[in-house]
N, C-alpha and C. Protein backbone atom coordinates (compact mmCIF):
# COMPACT_ATOMS: atom_id res chain seq x y z
N MET A 1 1.88 -11.16 -12.47
CA MET A 1 0.84 -10.64 -12.49
C MET A 1 0.64 -9.85 -11.00
N SER A 2 0.07 -8.77 -10.74
CA SER A 2 -0.38 -8.52 -9.77
C SER A 2 -1.73 -8.72 -9.37
N TYR A 3 -2.24 -8.64 -8.11
CA TYR A 3 -3.72 -8.98 -7.62
C TYR A 3 -4.10 -7.70 -6.97
N PHE A 4 -5.12 -7.41 -7.03
CA PHE A 4 -6.24 -6.20 -6.43
C PHE A 4 -7.41 -6.91 -5.68
N ILE A 5 -7.50 -6.86 -4.53
CA ILE A 5 -8.64 -7.44 -3.70
C ILE A 5 -9.65 -6.75 -3.44
N PHE A 6 -10.56 -7.02 -3.63
CA PHE A 6 -12.07 -5.86 -3.39
C PHE A 6 -13.18 -6.56 -2.50
N LEU A 7 -13.83 -5.95 -2.12
CA LEU A 7 -15.12 -6.60 -1.42
C LEU A 7 -16.00 -7.25 -2.13
N LYS A 8 -16.49 -8.45 -2.41
CA LYS A 8 -17.03 -9.12 -2.86
C LYS A 8 -18.58 -8.49 -3.27
N ASN A 9 -19.02 -8.77 -4.50
CA ASN A 9 -19.95 -7.99 -5.32
C ASN A 9 -20.16 -6.30 -5.18
N SER A 10 -19.14 -5.66 -4.99
CA SER A 10 -18.77 -4.45 -5.25
C SER A 10 -18.38 -3.79 -6.41
N GLU A 11 -19.00 -4.07 -7.53
CA GLU A 11 -18.75 -3.92 -8.70
C GLU A 11 -19.06 -2.53 -8.97
N GLY A 12 -18.66 -1.51 -9.15
CA GLY A 12 -18.84 -0.06 -9.36
C GLY A 12 -18.92 0.53 -8.15
N VAL A 13 -18.56 0.04 -7.27
CA VAL A 13 -18.53 0.66 -5.66
C VAL A 13 -17.00 1.37 -5.67
N ILE A 14 -17.36 2.58 -5.37
CA ILE A 14 -15.86 3.46 -4.65
C ILE A 14 -15.61 3.09 -3.67
N SER A 15 -13.93 2.96 -3.59
CA SER A 15 -13.29 2.54 -2.43
C SER A 15 -13.54 1.24 -1.70
N SER A 16 -13.85 0.06 -2.59
CA SER A 16 -14.05 -0.85 -2.27
C SER A 16 -12.73 -1.97 -2.22
N LEU A 17 -11.87 -1.29 -2.92
CA LEU A 17 -10.28 -2.30 -2.56
C LEU A 17 -10.19 -2.73 -1.17
N VAL A 18 -9.59 -3.83 -0.83
CA VAL A 18 -9.32 -4.05 0.37
C VAL A 18 -7.76 -4.41 0.54
N LYS A 19 -7.25 -5.30 -0.13
CA LYS A 19 -5.44 -5.21 -0.50
C LYS A 19 -5.25 -5.38 -1.51
N ILE A 20 -4.01 -5.35 -1.71
CA ILE A 20 -3.31 -5.66 -2.95
C ILE A 20 -1.98 -6.58 -2.82
N ALA A 21 -2.15 -7.39 -3.73
CA ALA A 21 -0.77 -8.58 -3.43
C ALA A 21 0.05 -8.54 -5.02
N GLU A 22 1.44 -8.38 -4.83
CA GLU A 22 2.55 -8.33 -5.62
C GLU A 22 2.03 -9.74 -6.62
N ASN A 23 2.50 -10.52 -5.93
CA ASN A 23 2.34 -12.08 -7.03
C ASN A 23 1.49 -12.88 -6.24
N GLN A 24 1.64 -14.25 -7.10
CA GLN A 24 0.80 -15.12 -6.44
C GLN A 24 1.38 -15.86 -5.19
N SER A 25 2.52 -15.39 -4.72
CA SER A 25 3.04 -16.06 -3.54
C SER A 25 2.16 -15.73 -2.58
N ASP A 26 2.14 -13.91 -2.80
CA ASP A 26 1.97 -12.92 -1.74
C ASP A 26 0.28 -13.28 -1.54
N LEU A 27 -0.35 -13.54 -2.65
CA LEU A 27 -1.78 -13.38 -2.51
C LEU A 27 -2.33 -15.16 -1.98
N ASN A 28 -1.57 -16.02 -2.04
CA ASN A 28 -1.69 -17.45 -1.63
C ASN A 28 -1.43 -17.12 -0.19
N ASN A 29 -0.21 -16.19 0.35
CA ASN A 29 -0.23 -16.02 1.95
C ASN A 29 -1.05 -14.94 2.50
N SER A 30 -2.24 -14.56 1.46
CA SER A 30 -3.17 -13.61 2.65
C SER A 30 -3.52 -14.16 3.65
N THR A 31 -4.30 -13.46 4.17
CA THR A 31 -5.23 -13.71 5.95
C THR A 31 -6.71 -13.95 5.39
N LEU A 32 -6.61 -13.25 4.24
CA LEU A 32 -8.29 -13.47 4.03
C LEU A 32 -8.45 -14.52 3.46
N ASN A 33 -9.79 -14.97 3.42
CA ASN A 33 -10.53 -15.94 2.74
C ASN A 33 -10.86 -15.44 1.51
N LEU A 34 -10.15 -15.80 0.37
CA LEU A 34 -10.20 -15.18 -0.89
C LEU A 34 -11.34 -15.19 -1.65
N SER A 35 -12.22 -16.43 -1.27
CA SER A 35 -13.47 -17.18 -1.83
C SER A 35 -14.60 -15.57 -1.28
N ASP A 36 -14.49 -15.07 -0.28
CA ASP A 36 -15.18 -14.29 -0.12
C ASP A 36 -15.12 -12.66 -0.74
N TYR A 37 -13.78 -12.27 -1.68
CA TYR A 37 -13.73 -11.59 -2.19
C TYR A 37 -13.37 -11.51 -3.48
N THR A 38 -13.64 -10.37 -4.36
CA THR A 38 -13.41 -10.65 -5.77
C THR A 38 -11.60 -10.13 -6.08
N VAL A 39 -11.04 -11.04 -6.53
CA VAL A 39 -9.67 -10.85 -6.89
C VAL A 39 -9.34 -10.63 -8.50
N ILE A 40 -8.83 -9.47 -8.80
CA ILE A 40 -8.45 -9.10 -10.16
C ILE A 40 -7.04 -8.87 -10.52
N GLU A 41 -6.73 -9.28 -11.43
CA GLU A 41 -5.27 -9.50 -11.89
C GLU A 41 -5.44 -8.09 -12.88
N ASP A 42 -4.00 -7.33 -12.58
CA ASP A 42 -3.40 -6.31 -13.23
C ASP A 42 -1.92 -6.32 -13.33
N THR A 43 -1.47 -5.57 -14.38
CA THR A 43 -0.15 -5.23 -14.52
C THR A 43 0.66 -5.12 -13.18
N GLN A 44 1.96 -5.15 -13.19
CA GLN A 44 3.32 -4.84 -12.15
C GLN A 44 2.80 -3.23 -12.13
N GLN A 45 3.13 -2.66 -13.37
CA GLN A 45 2.82 -1.13 -13.26
C GLN A 45 1.96 -0.56 -12.80
N ASN A 46 0.73 -0.92 -13.07
CA ASN A 46 -0.43 -0.35 -11.88
C ASN A 46 -0.11 -0.94 -10.58
N PHE A 47 0.33 -1.98 -10.41
CA PHE A 47 0.35 -2.26 -8.93
C PHE A 47 1.47 -1.33 -8.12
N ASP A 48 2.55 -1.12 -8.90
CA ASP A 48 3.40 -0.32 -8.38
C ASP A 48 3.03 1.27 -8.26
N SER A 49 2.09 1.69 -9.42
CA SER A 49 1.35 3.10 -8.77
C SER A 49 0.68 2.92 -7.85
N VAL A 50 -0.13 1.96 -7.31
CA VAL A 50 -0.50 2.16 -6.26
C VAL A 50 -0.22 1.91 -4.88
N ARG A 51 1.00 1.16 -4.99
CA ARG A 51 1.85 0.68 -4.27
C ARG A 51 2.56 2.00 -3.48
N LEU A 52 3.00 2.62 -4.60
CA LEU A 52 3.85 3.91 -4.54
C LEU A 52 3.18 5.20 -4.23
N GLY A 53 1.63 5.19 -4.43
CA GLY A 53 0.94 6.21 -3.76
C GLY A 53 0.70 7.38 -5.48
N SER A 54 1.33 6.81 -6.03
CA SER A 54 0.91 7.85 -7.75
C SER A 54 -0.38 7.71 -8.09
N LYS A 55 -1.16 6.55 -7.91
CA LYS A 55 -2.26 6.19 -8.35
C LYS A 55 -3.17 5.82 -7.42
N PHE A 56 -4.39 5.80 -7.19
CA PHE A 56 -5.08 5.01 -6.01
C PHE A 56 -6.42 4.38 -7.02
N VAL A 57 -6.72 3.31 -6.54
CA VAL A 57 -8.00 2.33 -7.24
C VAL A 57 -9.52 3.52 -6.79
N VAL A 58 -10.22 3.35 -7.80
CA VAL A 58 -11.34 4.30 -7.87
C VAL A 58 -12.32 3.02 -7.44
N SER A 59 -12.43 2.20 -8.64
CA SER A 59 -13.13 0.80 -8.30
C SER A 59 -13.00 -0.14 -9.49
N TYR A 60 -13.97 -1.10 -9.80
CA TYR A 60 -13.68 -1.77 -10.74
C TYR A 60 -14.91 -2.21 -11.81
N SER A 61 -15.06 -2.54 -12.78
CA SER A 61 -16.01 -3.19 -13.50
C SER A 61 -15.79 -4.15 -14.26
N ALA A 62 -16.51 -5.53 -14.32
CA ALA A 62 -15.97 -6.69 -14.52
C ALA A 62 -14.64 -6.97 -14.56
N ASN A 63 -13.80 -7.06 -15.09
CA ASN A 63 -12.03 -7.38 -14.71
C ASN A 63 -11.39 -6.07 -15.05
N ILE A 64 -12.19 -5.39 -15.13
CA ILE A 64 -11.12 -3.58 -15.40
C ILE A 64 -11.52 -2.98 -14.14
N ILE A 65 -10.31 -2.34 -13.58
CA ILE A 65 -10.15 -1.42 -12.67
C ILE A 65 -9.84 0.02 -13.20
N THR A 66 -10.53 1.18 -12.82
CA THR A 66 -10.34 2.37 -12.58
C THR A 66 -9.56 2.54 -11.63
N TYR A 67 -8.30 3.59 -12.16
CA TYR A 67 -7.82 4.16 -11.50
C TYR A 67 -7.63 5.98 -11.48
N GLU A 68 -7.05 6.48 -10.53
CA GLU A 68 -7.11 7.73 -10.68
C GLU A 68 -5.51 8.39 -10.17
N ASN A 69 -5.24 9.20 -10.76
CA ASN A 69 -3.93 9.97 -10.63
C ASN A 69 -3.94 10.51 -9.45
N THR A 70 -2.70 10.34 -8.52
CA THR A 70 -2.99 11.05 -7.27
C THR A 70 -2.64 12.61 -7.50
N VAL A 71 -2.11 13.03 -8.52
CA VAL A 71 -1.56 14.42 -8.92
C VAL A 71 -2.47 14.30 -10.51
N LYS A 72 -3.31 15.45 -10.55
CA LYS A 72 -3.90 15.77 -11.63
C LYS A 72 -2.86 16.16 -12.91
N PRO A 73 -2.72 15.95 -14.36
CA PRO A 73 -2.36 16.56 -15.44
C PRO A 73 -2.03 17.81 -15.33
N GLY A 74 -0.96 18.70 -15.33
CA GLY A 74 -1.10 20.32 -15.44
C GLY A 74 -1.04 20.83 -13.89
N TYR A 75 -1.26 19.83 -12.76
CA TYR A 75 -0.75 20.28 -11.89
C TYR A 75 0.57 19.93 -10.95
N GLU A 76 1.11 19.26 -11.64
CA GLU A 76 2.24 18.87 -11.18
C GLU A 76 2.88 19.40 -10.18
N ASN A 77 3.02 20.60 -9.97
CA ASN A 77 3.60 21.64 -8.68
C ASN A 77 2.86 21.68 -7.67
N ILE A 78 1.59 21.01 -7.70
CA ILE A 78 0.54 21.19 -6.73
C ILE A 78 0.18 19.86 -6.32
N THR A 79 0.69 19.40 -5.40
CA THR A 79 0.65 18.01 -4.63
C THR A 79 -0.29 17.92 -3.84
N LYS A 80 -1.17 16.44 -3.70
CA LYS A 80 -2.06 16.22 -2.62
C LYS A 80 -1.08 15.89 -1.44
N ILE A 81 -0.13 15.36 -1.50
CA ILE A 81 0.69 15.01 -0.48
C ILE A 81 1.77 16.18 -0.04
N ASN A 82 1.53 16.29 1.10
CA ASN A 82 2.27 17.48 1.82
C ASN A 82 2.30 17.07 3.15
N PHE A 83 3.14 16.14 3.76
CA PHE A 83 3.21 15.63 4.80
C PHE A 83 4.51 16.35 5.51
N SER A 84 3.40 16.82 7.02
CA SER A 84 4.07 17.75 8.07
C SER A 84 4.96 16.48 8.83
N LYS A 85 6.04 16.94 9.84
CA LYS A 85 6.85 15.76 10.67
C LYS A 85 5.55 15.02 11.35
N ASP A 86 4.77 15.82 11.95
CA ASP A 86 3.43 15.38 12.90
C ASP A 86 2.83 14.23 12.03
N ILE A 87 2.57 14.79 10.82
CA ILE A 87 1.30 14.03 10.04
C ILE A 87 2.13 12.52 9.47
N LEU A 88 3.41 12.76 9.33
CA LEU A 88 4.30 11.52 9.03
C LEU A 88 4.57 10.91 10.33
N ALA A 89 4.61 11.12 11.30
CA ALA A 89 4.60 10.29 12.53
C ALA A 89 3.41 9.53 12.98
N ASP A 90 2.39 10.32 12.57
CA ASP A 90 0.95 9.59 12.97
C ASP A 90 0.87 8.57 12.07
N TYR A 91 1.00 8.75 10.66
CA TYR A 91 0.95 7.99 9.64
C TYR A 91 1.71 6.68 9.89
N ILE A 92 3.02 6.82 10.58
CA ILE A 92 3.91 5.67 10.47
C ILE A 92 3.55 4.68 11.99
N LYS A 93 2.95 5.41 12.72
CA LYS A 93 2.30 4.81 14.20
C LYS A 93 1.50 3.87 13.68
N GLU A 94 0.25 4.52 12.73
CA GLU A 94 -0.83 3.71 12.48
C GLU A 94 -0.14 2.50 11.61
N TYR A 95 0.53 2.91 10.76
CA TYR A 95 1.19 1.55 9.89
C TYR A 95 1.68 0.64 10.92
N LYS A 96 2.62 1.09 11.77
CA LYS A 96 3.10 -0.03 12.46
C LYS A 96 2.31 -0.80 13.69
N ASP A 97 1.14 -0.21 13.70
CA ASP A 97 -0.20 -0.69 14.51
C ASP A 97 -0.62 -1.85 13.95
N GLU A 98 -0.85 -1.50 12.29
CA GLU A 98 -1.26 -2.44 11.70
C GLU A 98 -0.77 -3.67 11.56
N ILE A 99 0.95 -3.55 11.24
CA ILE A 99 1.91 -4.60 11.04
C ILE A 99 1.81 -5.01 12.45
N GLN A 100 1.83 -4.85 13.23
CA GLN A 100 2.04 -5.63 14.73
C GLN A 100 0.83 -6.45 14.90
N LEU A 101 0.01 -6.18 14.51
CA LEU A 101 -1.25 -7.07 14.71
C LEU A 101 -1.26 -8.31 13.60
N PHE A 102 -0.67 -8.03 12.61
CA PHE A 102 -0.40 -9.07 11.65
C PHE A 102 0.73 -10.05 12.36
N LEU A 103 1.70 -9.35 12.67
CA LEU A 103 2.97 -9.98 13.34
C LEU A 103 2.28 -11.14 14.51
N GLN A 104 1.47 -10.43 15.27
CA GLN A 104 1.23 -11.12 16.42
C GLN A 104 0.34 -12.04 16.47
N ASN A 105 -0.52 -12.05 15.27
CA ASN A 105 -1.59 -13.09 14.66
C ASN A 105 -0.96 -14.29 13.86
N TYR A 106 0.24 -14.08 13.28
CA TYR A 106 0.76 -14.92 12.02
C TYR A 106 1.89 -15.16 11.79
N GLN A 107 2.77 -15.53 13.49
CA GLN A 107 3.85 -15.54 13.18
C GLN A 107 4.21 -16.74 12.68
N SER A 108 3.67 -17.52 12.13
CA SER A 108 3.84 -18.94 11.36
C SER A 108 3.81 -18.25 9.45
N SER A 109 3.56 -17.25 9.26
CA SER A 109 3.44 -16.86 8.02
C SER A 109 4.64 -16.84 7.11
N PRO A 110 4.79 -17.24 6.14
CA PRO A 110 5.86 -17.15 5.42
C PRO A 110 6.37 -15.49 5.26
N LEU A 111 5.39 -14.61 5.46
CA LEU A 111 5.66 -13.13 5.05
C LEU A 111 5.95 -12.69 6.55
N PHE A 112 6.15 -13.39 7.44
CA PHE A 112 6.22 -13.03 8.84
C PHE A 112 7.87 -12.19 8.76
N THR A 113 8.71 -12.50 8.29
CA THR A 113 10.05 -12.01 8.25
C THR A 113 10.06 -10.60 7.51
N ARG A 114 9.39 -10.70 6.24
CA ARG A 114 9.50 -9.52 5.77
C ARG A 114 8.63 -8.12 6.40
N TRP A 115 7.59 -8.54 6.97
CA TRP A 115 6.91 -7.32 7.48
C TRP A 115 7.57 -7.16 8.82
N THR A 116 8.46 -8.36 9.76
CA THR A 116 9.02 -7.70 10.83
C THR A 116 10.37 -6.86 10.60
N ASP A 117 10.73 -6.97 9.41
CA ASP A 117 11.81 -6.03 8.84
C ASP A 117 11.45 -4.87 8.39
N TYR A 118 10.10 -4.92 7.84
CA TYR A 118 9.62 -3.48 7.62
C TYR A 118 9.28 -2.76 8.82
N TYR A 119 8.68 -3.53 9.85
CA TYR A 119 8.34 -2.87 11.08
C TYR A 119 9.80 -2.17 11.86
N ASN A 120 10.77 -2.87 11.59
CA ASN A 120 12.01 -2.27 12.18
C ASN A 120 12.23 -1.13 11.11
N GLN A 121 12.09 -1.41 9.99
CA GLN A 121 12.70 -0.20 9.04
C GLN A 121 11.96 1.24 9.15
N LEU A 122 10.56 0.84 9.57
CA LEU A 122 9.70 2.15 9.81
C LEU A 122 10.00 2.65 11.55
N SER A 123 10.36 1.65 12.19
CA SER A 123 10.53 2.10 13.45
C SER A 123 12.44 2.78 13.65
N ASN A 124 13.04 2.30 12.39
CA ASN A 124 14.29 3.01 12.85
C ASN A 124 14.64 4.57 12.00
N LEU A 125 13.55 4.72 11.21
CA LEU A 125 13.40 5.81 10.48
C LEU A 125 13.56 7.33 11.31
N ASN A 126 14.56 8.29 10.96
CA ASN A 126 14.69 9.15 11.41
C ASN A 126 14.15 10.28 10.67
N LEU A 127 13.12 10.70 11.92
CA LEU A 127 12.30 11.63 11.14
C LEU A 127 12.74 12.92 10.73
N ASN A 128 14.04 13.00 11.75
CA ASN A 128 14.70 14.59 11.79
C ASN A 128 15.41 14.63 10.76
N SER A 129 15.51 13.50 9.87
CA SER A 129 16.69 13.92 8.40
C SER A 129 15.75 13.66 7.21
N ILE A 130 14.49 14.11 7.37
CA ILE A 130 13.61 14.40 6.51
C ILE A 130 13.44 15.80 5.81
N ASN A 131 13.73 16.28 4.79
CA ASN A 131 13.09 17.90 4.46
C ASN A 131 11.60 17.75 4.41
N TYR A 132 11.06 18.71 5.22
CA TYR A 132 9.52 18.98 5.22
C TYR A 132 9.30 20.03 4.30
N PRO A 133 8.16 20.29 3.94
CA PRO A 133 6.72 19.17 3.77
C PRO A 133 7.17 18.40 2.95
N LEU A 134 6.99 16.83 3.35
CA LEU A 134 7.53 15.83 2.22
C LEU A 134 6.55 15.76 1.17
N ASN A 135 6.65 16.02 -0.02
CA ASN A 135 5.85 16.04 -0.92
C ASN A 135 5.77 14.65 -1.73
N GLU A 136 5.87 13.65 -1.15
CA GLU A 136 5.85 12.21 -1.87
C GLU A 136 5.34 11.34 -0.56
N THR A 137 5.03 10.19 -1.08
CA THR A 137 4.93 9.08 0.04
C THR A 137 5.66 8.47 0.75
N LEU A 138 5.19 8.31 1.99
CA LEU A 138 6.50 7.24 2.58
C LEU A 138 7.10 6.34 1.83
N GLU A 139 6.04 5.55 0.89
CA GLU A 139 6.67 4.65 0.13
C GLU A 139 7.38 4.56 -0.93
N GLN A 140 7.03 5.77 -1.56
CA GLN A 140 7.94 6.75 -2.63
C GLN A 140 9.38 6.94 -2.20
N TYR A 141 9.30 7.60 -0.89
CA TYR A 141 10.60 8.10 -0.48
C TYR A 141 11.39 6.92 -0.11
N PHE A 142 11.03 5.88 0.36
CA PHE A 142 11.96 4.73 0.64
C PHE A 142 12.41 4.18 -0.74
N GLN A 143 11.37 4.09 -1.58
CA GLN A 143 11.71 3.34 -2.97
C GLN A 143 13.19 4.65 -3.71
N ASP A 144 13.01 5.75 -3.41
CA ASP A 144 13.86 6.78 -3.72
C ASP A 144 15.37 6.50 -3.21
N ASN A 145 15.16 6.07 -2.06
CA ASN A 145 16.33 5.98 -0.92
C ASN A 145 16.75 4.14 -1.13
N GLY A 146 16.43 3.49 -2.30
CA GLY A 146 17.21 2.10 -2.37
C GLY A 146 16.44 1.18 -1.12
N GLN A 147 15.38 1.60 -0.42
CA GLN A 147 14.88 0.78 0.66
C GLN A 147 13.67 0.14 0.17
N PRO A 148 13.32 -1.24 1.01
CA PRO A 148 12.05 -1.85 0.63
C PRO A 148 10.97 -0.71 0.88
N ALA A 149 9.65 -0.79 0.03
CA ALA A 149 8.55 -0.18 0.22
C ALA A 149 7.57 -0.57 -0.25
N TYR A 150 6.52 -0.90 0.96
CA TYR A 150 5.38 -1.61 1.09
C TYR A 150 4.44 -0.70 1.50
N SER A 151 3.19 -0.65 0.70
CA SER A 151 2.03 -0.03 1.06
C SER A 151 1.34 -0.73 2.20
N PRO A 152 0.62 0.07 2.99
CA PRO A 152 -0.09 -0.79 4.00
C PRO A 152 -1.10 -1.84 3.49
N LEU A 153 -1.47 -1.79 2.14
CA LEU A 153 -2.56 -2.48 1.32
C LEU A 153 -1.92 -3.81 1.56
N GLN A 154 -0.68 -3.88 1.31
CA GLN A 154 0.03 -5.00 1.47
C GLN A 154 0.19 -6.28 2.43
N ILE A 155 -0.12 -5.25 3.70
CA ILE A 155 -0.03 -6.29 4.88
C ILE A 155 -1.06 -7.59 5.05
N PRO A 156 -0.50 -8.53 4.68
CA PRO A 156 -1.33 -10.03 4.61
C PRO A 156 -2.61 -10.12 5.31
C-alpha cells in the first residue's frame, strides 16, 4: 500500500496534502514527525496517478481521499500541462533546490542515495532534446523514457 500524508485535523480542507510515500519503508524514513500528521493508506494505482501528475489530491474525509483528474473527460486534447523550455527549467531548478535541502540535512538517511541519483538525473537532463511544448509532466516524461520518476511530494 501507498501513503498520503496530510496536515493534521484538515479533514475536508482543500490542498492539505503534504507528502506521499510509496510504501511502508518510505513512510518510515520520512523526515516528518508523523504523529503531527494524518496518514491515509491508498492504492498503488492512485499513488502512481498522483506521482506522475494525472491526478491531484483535493482533500480527504475520514479515510477516503478525493482526487481530481488533471485532464477532464472529453477534453483529452486540451491539457493543463504545457511546459515551455523556460518553465520546465524553472520547475527543475526549484525541484533540485528541494532535493538539495534534503541531501544537506539528512546524509545518513537510507533514501540519501536515491535522491542523490535523482538530483543527478535532473542535472543531466538535456532540455534541448525535448520537444516543446511538453504536454506531460516531467515525471511522466521520465516514466515514458524508462527512467526513475519521483514527485516532489516524495522527498522525505
